[in-house]
């Protein structure tokens, strides 16, 4: 089956998910959070050594049993806590990932974050997941990012109520838009803290649509307060956001001349083998930022005539770099190359470290676009080791 047919088929499934009603469930949502453990008390002890990573979530928790779980429903408020690398366990005869975690009072959480930042370089990494993710898959990816990059500061996962279902795209999109205020307020609070010197933001897939407006809101607040910009390094992996909208707005907002002059830059990872974004394009009618699909057939024809790949990208803007991972794509959907492909992982690690160039990048006819090509010294068999996918 061709990529085009796969995209159409996937879009059909996605459309089915869009009209599938949300099930409230058989339990009152208030009953899930009735237990006192869903409301962390100030001063309550948290084993920070065992739970080294931070999270903030707008998911509804289930605190009815000893093993607290975070559900697919919208929570009554944003909660804070600590977590460790998820582990695979057996439950009911089935294998599943479980995340060791504990809620923490908001004030205690912010003080713990400050203490961790004060011990480091004033930097914090914030990861925002995308479509079809659970709390477990989000924390698993966050822990991998922390291991892989060796980031010199605290790593925070922000988890919004994704459904973790193929047919849940419509609900995910709705919940993502509903959560914009929650995430905006969280990011603004983070940026306002005097002890935070730099915020590195990584978003995946649909998470880009949370990040971009929130950064814009934080920028406006910083401008009014005459405060230095702290959000300098933004990474959009496989962003599921309208490419033309991004082109039109980014130079006037998130990548305004003022912000770029202060060091703001955005790195976008794209792939023409990304089946998830191909489906999103069919659903929305226009190409996504994370997919170099040529919407204009005349441009595609011109590229063919020149013997160049039929790949089209967002227009150049100061501070914008696009990395095409098509040739090193991994996985069944090609939607998470920054966590799966050795070549892409190494590039991602350098971007997190604020290195603006890599010898492995291949220049294209567009000054802001680079390709990643297979490395004989890093075959597929080394992907897991180089990307640090397996906890050690």
Protein backbone atom coordinates (compact mmCIF):
# COMPACT_ATOMS: atom_id res chain seq x y z
CA UNK A 1 0.00 0.00 0.00
CA UNK A 2 1.36 3.45 -0.93
CA UNK A 3 2.04 6.15 1.61
CA UNK A 4 -0.86 8.12 0.18
CA UNK A 5 -3.26 5.22 0.67
CA UNK A 6 -1.92 4.62 4.16
CA UNK A 7 -2.47 8.25 4.99
CA UNK A 8 -6.04 8.16 3.72
CA UNK A 9 -6.75 4.96 5.63
CA UNK A 10 -5.26 6.39 8.80
CA UNK A 11 -7.26 9.57 8.32
CA UNK A 12 -10.44 7.53 7.98
CA UNK A 13 -9.69 5.90 11.33
CA UNK A 14 -8.95 9.29 12.81
CA UNK A 15 -12.23 10.68 11.50
CA UNK A 16 -14.02 7.76 13.11
CA UNK A 17 -12.36 8.75 16.35
CA UNK A 18 -13.52 12.34 15.93
CA UNK A 19 -17.21 11.33 16.00
CA UNK A 20 -16.84 8.75 18.76
CA UNK A 21 -18.48 10.15 21.91
CA UNK A 22 -16.46 10.62 25.07
CA UNK A 23 -17.49 8.14 27.74
CA UNK A 24 -17.81 9.72 31.20
CA UNK A 25 -17.35 6.28 32.74
CA UNK A 26 -19.21 4.38 35.43
CA UNK A 27 -17.59 6.23 38.34
CA UNK A 28 -18.23 9.80 39.43
CA UNK A 29 -15.11 11.83 38.74
CA UNK A 30 -15.36 13.31 42.24
CA UNK A 31 -15.01 9.79 43.65
CA UNK A 32 -11.68 9.32 41.91
CA UNK A 33 -10.17 12.24 43.85
CA UNK A 34 -12.07 11.90 47.15
CA UNK A 35 -9.15 10.19 48.89
CA UNK A 36 -6.80 12.59 50.70
CA UNK A 37 -3.82 11.27 48.71
CA UNK A 38 -5.12 13.19 45.70
CA UNK A 39 -4.57 16.42 47.65
CA UNK A 40 -0.94 16.54 48.73
CA UNK A 41 -0.42 18.19 52.10
CA UNK A 42 2.21 20.90 52.63
CA UNK A 43 5.36 19.47 54.14
CA UNK A 44 4.51 15.85 53.32
CA UNK A 45 7.66 13.83 52.76
CA UNK A 46 8.56 12.80 49.21
CA UNK A 47 11.49 10.53 48.45
CA UNK A 48 13.20 12.88 46.01
CA UNK A 49 16.18 10.56 45.55
CA UNK A 50 13.89 7.75 44.39
CA UNK A 51 11.71 10.12 42.35
CA UNK A 52 14.21 12.49 40.70
CA UNK A 53 12.04 13.84 37.88
CA UNK A 54 9.24 16.41 38.08
CA UNK A 55 5.75 16.48 36.58
CA UNK A 56 2.77 18.78 36.34
CA UNK A 57 -0.50 17.38 35.03
CA UNK A 58 -4.07 18.37 34.28
CA UNK A 59 -5.14 14.72 34.12
CA UNK A 60 -7.72 13.38 36.56
CA UNK A 61 -6.07 11.03 39.06
CA UNK A 62 -7.57 7.81 40.43
CA UNK A 63 -6.70 7.64 44.13
CA UNK A 64 -9.10 4.85 45.11
CA UNK A 65 -6.37 2.25 45.56
CA UNK A 66 -2.80 2.12 46.85
CA UNK A 67 -1.52 2.46 43.28
CA UNK A 68 -2.47 5.96 42.09
CA UNK A 69 -3.11 6.23 38.36
CA UNK A 70 -3.55 9.24 36.09
CA UNK A 71 -6.52 8.87 33.77
CA UNK A 72 -7.58 10.10 30.33
CA UNK A 73 -10.13 12.54 31.78
CA UNK A 74 -9.67 16.24 32.46
CA UNK A 75 -8.71 16.92 36.05
CA UNK A 76 -10.34 19.44 38.37
CA UNK A 77 -7.02 21.33 38.62
CA UNK A 78 -3.33 21.08 37.80
CA UNK A 79 -1.44 18.79 40.16
CA UNK A 80 2.29 18.51 40.81
CA UNK A 81 4.55 15.65 41.73
CA UNK A 82 7.71 13.64 41.30
CA UNK A 83 8.35 10.48 39.32
CA UNK A 84 10.98 7.95 38.34
CA UNK A 85 11.61 5.95 35.18
CA UNK A 86 8.58 3.72 34.46
CA UNK A 87 9.01 -0.01 34.87
CA UNK A 88 7.29 -2.86 33.09
CA UNK A 89 5.11 -4.92 35.41
CA UNK A 90 2.47 -7.64 35.19
CA UNK A 91 -1.11 -6.80 36.11
CA UNK A 92 -3.98 -9.20 35.54
CA UNK A 93 -1.72 -11.42 33.47
CA UNK A 94 -0.82 -8.55 31.14
CA UNK A 95 2.40 -6.60 30.88
CA UNK A 96 2.14 -2.85 31.27
CA UNK A 97 4.28 0.13 32.16
CA UNK A 98 3.79 1.72 35.58
CA UNK A 99 5.33 4.98 36.71
CA UNK A 100 6.58 5.31 40.29
CA UNK A 101 5.20 8.69 41.35
CA UNK A 102 3.96 10.80 44.23
CA UNK A 103 1.95 14.00 44.35
CA UNK A 104 3.50 17.00 46.02
CA UNK A 105 1.98 20.19 47.41
CA UNK A 106 2.36 22.99 44.85
CA UNK A 107 4.42 25.18 47.16
CA UNK A 108 6.69 22.30 48.12
CA UNK A 109 7.03 21.33 44.45
CA UNK A 110 8.16 24.80 43.41
CA UNK A 111 10.63 24.95 46.30
CA UNK A 112 12.03 21.53 45.36
CA UNK A 113 12.39 22.67 41.75
CA UNK A 114 14.24 25.78 42.91
CA UNK A 115 16.58 23.72 45.07
CA UNK A 116 17.40 21.48 42.12
CA UNK A 117 17.94 24.43 39.79
CA UNK A 118 20.11 26.22 42.35
CA UNK A 119 22.38 23.14 42.48
CA UNK A 120 22.79 23.26 38.70
CA UNK A 121 23.12 25.98 36.09
CA UNK A 122 19.73 27.63 36.37
CA UNK A 123 18.38 25.64 33.42
CA UNK A 124 15.20 23.58 33.29
CA UNK A 125 13.94 21.29 30.51
CA UNK A 126 10.19 21.08 29.95
CA UNK A 127 8.72 18.26 27.85
CA UNK A 128 5.19 18.44 26.43
CA UNK A 129 3.81 15.29 24.80
CA UNK A 130 1.49 14.92 21.85
CA UNK A 131 -1.38 12.78 20.60
CA UNK A 132 -2.10 9.26 21.80
CA UNK A 133 -0.04 9.36 24.98
CA UNK A 134 -0.72 8.11 28.50
CA UNK A 135 0.96 9.37 31.65
CA UNK A 136 3.16 6.24 31.51
CA UNK A 137 4.31 6.77 27.91
CA UNK A 138 4.89 10.46 28.60
CA UNK A 139 7.03 9.82 31.66
CA UNK A 140 8.84 7.03 29.82
CA UNK A 141 9.78 9.45 27.02
CA UNK A 142 10.70 12.16 29.51
CA UNK A 143 12.99 9.80 31.42
CA UNK A 144 14.62 8.78 28.14
CA UNK A 145 15.22 12.43 27.24
CA UNK A 146 16.82 13.02 30.64
CA UNK A 147 19.12 9.99 30.27
CA UNK A 148 19.95 10.58 26.64
CA UNK A 149 20.79 14.27 26.95
CA UNK A 150 22.34 14.25 30.42
CA UNK A 151 20.61 17.58 30.90
CA UNK A 152 22.31 19.73 33.54
CA UNK A 153 19.17 20.72 35.39
CA UNK A 154 15.74 19.44 36.43
CA UNK A 155 13.56 17.78 33.80
CA UNK A 156 9.81 18.39 33.96
CA UNK A 157 7.04 16.50 32.15
CA UNK A 158 3.78 18.33 31.48
CA UNK A 159 0.99 15.81 30.88
CA UNK A 160 -2.41 16.83 29.54
CA UNK A 161 -5.35 14.38 29.16
CA UNK A 162 -4.55 12.57 25.91
CA UNK A 163 -6.70 9.48 25.34
CA UNK A 164 -3.85 7.09 24.43
CA UNK A 165 -6.00 5.66 21.63
CA UNK A 166 -5.64 5.65 17.85
CA UNK A 167 -9.29 6.68 17.53
CA UNK A 168 -8.96 9.38 20.16
CA UNK A 169 -7.44 12.10 17.98
CA UNK A 170 -10.56 14.26 17.99
CA UNK A 171 -10.83 14.07 21.78
CA UNK A 172 -7.10 14.73 22.14
CA UNK A 173 -7.36 17.82 19.95
CA UNK A 174 -10.31 19.08 22.00
CA UNK A 175 -8.56 18.43 25.32
CA UNK A 176 -5.38 20.06 24.05
CA UNK A 177 -7.24 23.27 23.22
CA UNK A 178 -9.09 23.10 26.54
CA UNK A 179 -5.72 22.84 28.32
CA UNK A 180 -4.13 25.89 26.69
CA UNK A 181 -4.96 28.08 29.70
CA UNK A 182 -3.57 25.53 32.18
CA UNK A 183 -0.30 25.18 30.31
CA UNK A 184 -0.03 28.90 29.60
CA UNK A 185 -0.39 29.71 33.30
CA UNK A 186 2.13 27.00 34.24
CA UNK A 187 4.73 28.23 31.75
CA UNK A 188 4.25 31.85 32.76
CA UNK A 189 4.70 30.94 36.42
CA UNK A 190 7.87 29.03 35.58
CA UNK A 191 9.24 31.92 33.53
CA UNK A 192 8.45 34.42 36.31
CA UNK A 193 10.62 32.65 38.89
CA UNK A 194 13.77 34.70 39.41
CA UNK A 195 15.84 31.60 40.04
CA UNK A 196 15.03 30.18 36.59
CA UNK A 197 17.70 31.38 34.16
CA UNK A 198 16.81 29.39 31.04
CA UNK A 199 13.88 27.22 29.92
CA UNK A 200 14.44 24.62 27.20
CA UNK A 201 11.13 23.44 25.77
CA UNK A 202 10.66 20.18 23.84
CA UNK A 203 7.25 19.42 22.36
CA UNK A 204 6.12 16.43 20.34
CA UNK A 205 3.33 16.23 17.80
CA UNK A 206 0.12 17.93 19.00
CA UNK A 207 2.02 19.41 21.93
CA UNK A 208 3.34 22.13 19.60
CA UNK A 209 -0.13 23.67 19.60
CA UNK A 210 0.08 24.03 23.37
CA UNK A 211 3.61 25.37 23.37
CA UNK A 212 3.53 28.07 20.70
CA UNK A 213 0.66 30.19 22.12
CA UNK A 214 1.92 29.70 25.68
CA UNK A 215 5.38 30.97 24.74
CA UNK A 216 3.76 33.97 23.09
CA UNK A 217 1.80 34.69 26.28
CA UNK A 218 4.94 34.37 28.42
CA UNK A 219 6.74 36.73 26.06
CA UNK A 220 4.06 39.40 26.38
CA UNK A 221 4.18 39.19 30.16
CA UNK A 222 7.98 39.43 30.17
CA UNK A 223 7.81 42.47 27.90
CA UNK A 224 5.38 44.28 30.20
CA UNK A 225 7.53 43.42 33.23
CA UNK A 226 10.68 44.43 31.33
CA UNK A 227 12.11 41.03 32.16
CA UNK A 228 14.80 39.18 30.23
CA UNK A 229 13.56 36.38 27.98
CA UNK A 230 14.24 32.97 29.52
CA UNK A 231 12.77 30.74 26.81
CA UNK A 232 15.63 30.57 24.35
CA UNK A 233 15.71 27.03 22.98
CA UNK A 234 12.47 25.55 21.58
CA UNK A 235 12.39 22.14 19.89
CA UNK A 236 9.33 21.03 17.93
CA UNK A 237 9.52 17.31 17.12
CA UNK A 238 7.07 16.18 14.43
CA UNK A 239 4.85 19.21 15.14
CA UNK A 240 1.19 18.71 14.26
CA UNK A 241 0.48 22.36 13.57
CA UNK A 242 -0.66 24.07 10.38
CA UNK A 243 2.48 24.92 8.41
CA UNK A 244 1.11 28.03 6.73
CA UNK A 245 -0.24 29.40 10.01
CA UNK A 246 3.16 28.87 11.60
CA UNK A 247 4.88 30.62 8.66
CA UNK A 248 2.51 33.58 8.86
CA UNK A 249 2.66 34.13 12.61
CA UNK A 250 6.03 32.94 13.92
CA UNK A 251 8.17 35.86 12.70
CA UNK A 252 5.81 38.37 14.32
CA UNK A 253 5.43 36.51 17.59
CA UNK A 254 7.59 33.69 18.97
CA UNK A 255 10.49 34.47 16.62
CA UNK A 256 10.10 38.21 16.61
CA UNK A 257 13.29 40.22 15.93
CA UNK A 258 13.39 41.19 19.60
CA UNK A 259 13.32 37.55 20.75
CA UNK A 260 15.81 36.33 18.17
CA UNK A 261 18.19 39.13 19.16
CA UNK A 262 18.03 37.77 22.72
CA UNK A 263 19.00 34.27 21.51
CA UNK A 264 15.60 32.67 20.86
CA UNK A 265 15.72 29.88 18.27
CA UNK A 266 13.42 27.05 17.17
CA UNK A 267 14.53 23.68 15.81
CA UNK A 268 11.90 21.66 13.96
CA UNK A 269 12.28 17.93 13.21
CA UNK A 270 10.33 16.83 10.13
CA UNK A 271 9.93 13.67 8.06
CA UNK A 272 8.12 12.84 4.84
CA UNK A 273 7.68 9.28 6.21
CA UNK A 274 5.61 10.51 9.14
CA UNK A 275 2.32 8.63 8.67
CA UNK A 276 0.63 10.31 11.62
CA UNK A 277 1.15 13.76 10.11
CA UNK A 278 0.11 12.51 6.68
CA UNK A 279 -3.19 11.47 8.26
CA UNK A 280 -3.48 14.81 10.05
CA UNK A 281 -2.95 16.60 6.73
CA UNK A 282 -5.80 14.67 5.14
CA UNK A 283 -8.01 15.40 8.13
CA UNK A 284 -7.23 19.13 8.31
CA UNK A 285 -6.82 19.77 4.60
CA UNK A 286 -3.45 21.49 4.81
CA UNK A 287 0.14 20.31 5.42
CA UNK A 288 1.58 20.12 8.91
CA UNK A 289 4.79 21.83 9.97
CA UNK A 290 6.40 18.47 10.76
CA UNK A 291 5.82 17.01 7.29
CA UNK A 292 7.63 18.33 4.17
CA UNK A 293 4.66 17.53 1.94
CA UNK A 294 4.37 19.71 -1.16
CA UNK A 295 0.84 21.07 -1.07
CA UNK A 296 1.47 23.07 -4.25
CA UNK A 297 1.67 20.57 -7.15
CA UNK A 298 3.48 23.10 -9.32
CA UNK A 299 6.29 23.41 -6.78
CA UNK A 300 6.45 19.61 -6.61
CA UNK A 301 6.76 19.45 -10.40
CA UNK A 302 9.56 22.03 -10.38
CA UNK A 303 11.49 20.00 -7.78
CA UNK A 304 11.05 16.84 -9.87
CA UNK A 305 12.34 18.62 -12.95
CA UNK A 306 15.46 19.65 -11.03
CA UNK A 307 16.00 16.09 -9.81
CA UNK A 308 15.47 17.14 -6.20
CA UNK A 309 13.31 15.37 -3.60
CA UNK A 310 9.69 16.50 -3.56
CA UNK A 311 9.90 18.03 -0.13
CA UNK A 312 8.54 21.42 0.89
CA UNK A 313 9.24 23.17 4.15
CA UNK A 314 8.18 26.18 6.18
CA UNK A 315 9.63 29.40 4.83
CA UNK A 316 12.86 30.73 6.26
CA UNK A 317 12.67 32.94 9.33
CA UNK A 318 15.42 34.31 11.59
CA UNK A 319 16.06 31.81 14.36
CA UNK A 320 14.38 28.88 12.58
CA UNK A 321 16.22 25.64 11.70
CA UNK A 322 14.53 22.64 10.10
CA UNK A 323 16.04 19.16 10.33
CA UNK A 324 14.71 16.59 7.85
CA UNK A 325 14.90 13.07 9.32
CA UNK A 326 13.23 11.30 6.38
CA UNK A 327 16.33 9.31 5.44
CA UNK A 328 16.88 8.05 9.00
CA UNK A 329 13.23 7.46 9.87
CA UNK A 330 12.38 4.69 12.35
CA UNK A 331 9.29 2.99 13.74
CA UNK A 332 6.01 2.00 12.13
CA UNK A 333 4.79 5.60 11.86
CA UNK A 334 8.02 7.62 11.61
CA UNK A 335 6.50 10.03 14.13
CA UNK A 336 9.16 9.87 16.89
CA UNK A 337 12.50 9.83 15.12
CA UNK A 338 14.08 12.12 17.71
CA UNK A 339 13.68 9.28 20.24
CA UNK A 340 14.19 6.28 17.95
CA UNK A 341 16.83 6.99 15.30
CA UNK A 342 20.47 7.09 16.40
CA UNK A 343 21.37 9.86 13.94
CA UNK A 344 18.36 11.96 14.95
CA UNK A 345 18.97 11.29 18.65
CA UNK A 346 22.55 12.54 18.43
CA UNK A 347 21.40 15.68 16.67
CA UNK A 348 18.68 16.20 19.30
CA UNK A 349 21.22 15.84 22.12
CA UNK A 350 23.37 18.56 20.58
CA UNK A 351 20.39 20.88 20.11
CA UNK A 352 19.48 20.46 23.78
CA UNK A 353 23.10 21.43 24.59
CA UNK A 354 22.52 24.54 22.46
CA UNK A 355 24.92 23.54 19.71
CA UNK A 356 23.68 25.26 16.57
CA UNK A 357 25.46 23.07 14.00
CA UNK A 358 26.58 19.49 13.43
CA UNK A 359 28.96 18.06 10.85
CA UNK A 360 26.49 15.21 10.24
CA UNK A 361 23.88 17.61 8.89
CA UNK A 362 23.73 17.80 5.11
CA UNK A 363 22.99 21.23 3.68
CA UNK A 364 20.15 21.69 1.20
CA UNK A 365 19.36 24.43 -1.30
CA UNK A 366 17.53 26.16 1.57
CA UNK A 367 19.86 27.77 4.09
CA UNK A 368 17.60 26.95 7.07
CA UNK A 369 16.96 23.30 6.12
CA UNK A 370 19.32 20.37 6.72
CA UNK A 371 19.03 16.64 6.08
CA UNK A 372 20.17 13.82 8.29
CA UNK A 373 21.55 10.83 6.41
CA UNK A 374 22.36 7.29 7.57
CA UNK A 375 25.66 6.87 9.40
CA UNK A 376 27.49 3.58 8.70
CA UNK A 377 28.95 3.83 12.19
CA UNK A 378 25.45 3.90 13.70
CA UNK A 379 23.34 1.16 12.07
CA UNK A 380 19.77 0.39 13.13
CA UNK A 381 21.03 -2.19 15.60
CA UNK A 382 22.59 0.64 17.63
CA UNK A 383 19.49 2.83 17.77
CA UNK A 384 18.35 1.74 21.23
CA UNK A 385 21.81 2.07 22.77
CA UNK A 386 22.58 5.49 21.24
CA UNK A 387 19.09 6.83 22.00
CA UNK A 388 19.30 5.31 25.50
CA UNK A 389 15.87 3.80 25.14
CA UNK A 390 16.45 1.00 27.65
CA UNK A 391 16.76 2.10 31.29
CA UNK A 392 20.08 1.10 32.81
